[in-house]
Amino acid sequence: MEDDDLTVVDLENIILTGHIVGRQKDQETNETKIVIRGRALNGRQAEAVVKIGLSGILYVITVHLV
């Protein structure tokens, strides 16, 4: 996030304005990761890779510009 000058508010906007563009399967843990593409606050297109834990908590793995 910091490398691309993105903030937590950008992450929130990416998730709220974005859509799912893919799913990835982790080879070691067999967990599904979800790729969400949306827009940062300044309009730049970005992606967030997240997973949903067993308790329903959303875990953010990475966020980057596209």
C-alpha atoms as a PDB file:
ATOM      1  CA  MET A   1       0.000   0.000   0.000  1.00  0.00           C
ATOM      2  CA  GLU A   2       2.650   2.490   1.016  1.00  0.00           C
ATOM      3  CA  ASP A   3       4.724   1.859  -2.112  1.00  0.00           C
ATOM      4  CA  ASP A   4       1.760   2.946  -4.256  1.00  0.00           C
ATOM      5  CA  ASP A   5       0.827   5.859  -1.958  1.00  0.00           C
ATOM      6  CA  LEU A   6      -2.468   4.210  -0.953  1.00  0.00           C
ATOM      7  CA  THR A   7      -4.199   4.708   2.401  1.00  0.00           C
ATOM      8  CA  VAL A   8      -6.750   2.783   4.423  1.00  0.00           C
ATOM      9  CA  VAL A   9      -9.426   5.124   3.054  1.00  0.00           C
ATOM     10  CA  ASP A  10      -8.322   4.186  -0.480  1.00  0.00           C
ATOM     11  CA  LEU A  11      -8.670   0.511   0.470  1.00  0.00           C
ATOM     12  CA  GLU A  12     -12.197   1.121   1.733  1.00  0.00           C
ATOM     13  CA  ASN A  13     -13.102   2.896  -1.511  1.00  0.00           C
ATOM     14  CA  ILE A  14     -11.616   0.076  -3.625  1.00  0.00           C
ATOM     15  CA  ILE A  15     -13.779  -2.473  -1.824  1.00  0.00           C
ATOM     16  CA  LEU A  16     -16.941  -0.346  -1.877  1.00  0.00           C
ATOM     17  CA  THR A  17     -16.687   0.719  -5.537  1.00  0.00           C
ATOM     18  CA  GLY A  18     -15.045  -2.402  -6.903  1.00  0.00           C
ATOM     19  CA  HIS A  19     -16.053  -5.790  -8.190  1.00  0.00           C
ATOM     20  CA  ILE A  20     -14.573  -9.265  -7.936  1.00  0.00           C
ATOM     21  CA  VAL A  21     -12.266  -9.988 -10.864  1.00  0.00           C
ATOM     22  CA  GLY A  22     -10.841 -13.282  -9.705  1.00  0.00           C
ATOM     23  CA  ARG A  23     -10.351 -15.925  -7.101  1.00  0.00           C
ATOM     24  CA  GLN A  24      -7.047 -17.547  -6.184  1.00  0.00           C
ATOM     25  CA  LYS A  25      -6.399 -20.746  -4.266  1.00  0.00           C
ATOM     26  CA  ASP A  26      -3.503 -20.740  -1.798  1.00  0.00           C
ATOM     27  CA  GLN A  27      -1.432 -23.879  -2.454  1.00  0.00           C
ATOM     28  CA  GLU A  28      -0.239 -24.288   1.143  1.00  0.00           C
ATOM     29  CA  THR A  29      -3.373 -23.490   3.160  1.00  0.00           C
ATOM     30  CA  ASN A  30      -6.001 -24.290   0.496  1.00  0.00           C
ATOM     31  CA  GLU A  31      -7.749 -21.000   1.360  1.00  0.00           C
ATOM     32  CA  THR A  32      -9.513 -18.932  -1.288  1.00  0.00           C
ATOM     33  CA  LYS A  33      -8.307 -15.380  -1.858  1.00  0.00           C
ATOM     34  CA  ILE A  34     -10.532 -12.854  -3.641  1.00  0.00           C
ATOM     35  CA  VAL A  35      -9.214 -10.157  -6.000  1.00  0.00           C
ATOM     36  CA  ILE A  36     -11.293  -6.946  -5.992  1.00  0.00           C
ATOM     37  CA  ARG A  37     -10.674  -4.222  -8.580  1.00  0.00           C
ATOM     38  CA  GLY A  38     -11.930  -0.720  -7.848  1.00  0.00           C
ATOM     39  CA  ARG A  39     -10.822   2.889  -7.660  1.00  0.00           C
ATOM     40  CA  ALA A  40      -8.733   4.762  -5.117  1.00  0.00           C
ATOM     41  CA  LEU A  41     -10.014   8.151  -3.954  1.00  0.00           C
ATOM     42  CA  ASN A  42      -8.107  10.011  -6.651  1.00  0.00           C
ATOM     43  CA  GLY A  43      -9.632   7.827  -9.394  1.00  0.00           C
ATOM     44  CA  ARG A  44      -6.662   5.521  -9.968  1.00  0.00           C
ATOM     45  CA  GLN A  45      -7.554   1.907 -10.624  1.00  0.00           C
ATOM     46  CA  ALA A  46      -6.315  -0.470  -7.909  1.00  0.00           C
ATOM     47  CA  GLU A  47      -6.755  -4.009  -6.629  1.00  0.00           C
ATOM     48  CA  ALA A  48      -7.157  -5.485  -3.181  1.00  0.00           C
ATOM     49  CA  VAL A  49      -6.517  -9.151  -2.448  1.00  0.00           C
ATOM     50  CA  VAL A  50      -8.555 -10.317   0.545  1.00  0.00           C
ATOM     51  CA  LYS A  51      -9.806 -13.454   2.245  1.00  0.00           C
ATOM     52  CA  ILE A  52     -12.733 -14.101   4.541  1.00  0.00           C
ATOM     53  CA  GLY A  53     -11.876 -15.908   7.762  1.00  0.00           C
ATOM     54  CA  LEU A  54     -13.969 -18.627   9.354  1.00  0.00           C
ATOM     55  CA  SER A  55     -15.459 -16.083  11.756  1.00  0.00           C
ATOM     56  CA  GLY A  56     -16.524 -13.837   8.840  1.00  0.00           C
ATOM     57  CA  ILE A  57     -13.731 -11.299   9.327  1.00  0.00           C
ATOM     58  CA  LEU A  58     -12.278  -9.798   6.137  1.00  0.00           C
ATOM     59  CA  TYR A  59      -8.481 -10.049   6.025  1.00  0.00           C
ATOM     60  CA  VAL A  60      -6.592  -7.788   3.625  1.00  0.00           C
ATOM     61  CA  ILE A  61      -3.567  -9.501   2.105  1.00  0.00           C
ATOM     62  CA  THR A  62      -2.329  -6.779  -0.255  1.00  0.00           C
ATOM     63  CA  VAL A  63      -3.414  -3.620  -2.055  1.00  0.00           C
ATOM     64  CA  HIS A  64      -1.754  -2.230  -5.171  1.00  0.00           C
ATOM     65  CA  LEU A  65      -2.285  -0.033  -8.228  1.00  0.00           C
ATOM     66  CA  VAL A  66      -3.156  -1.733 -11.488  1.00  0.00           C
END
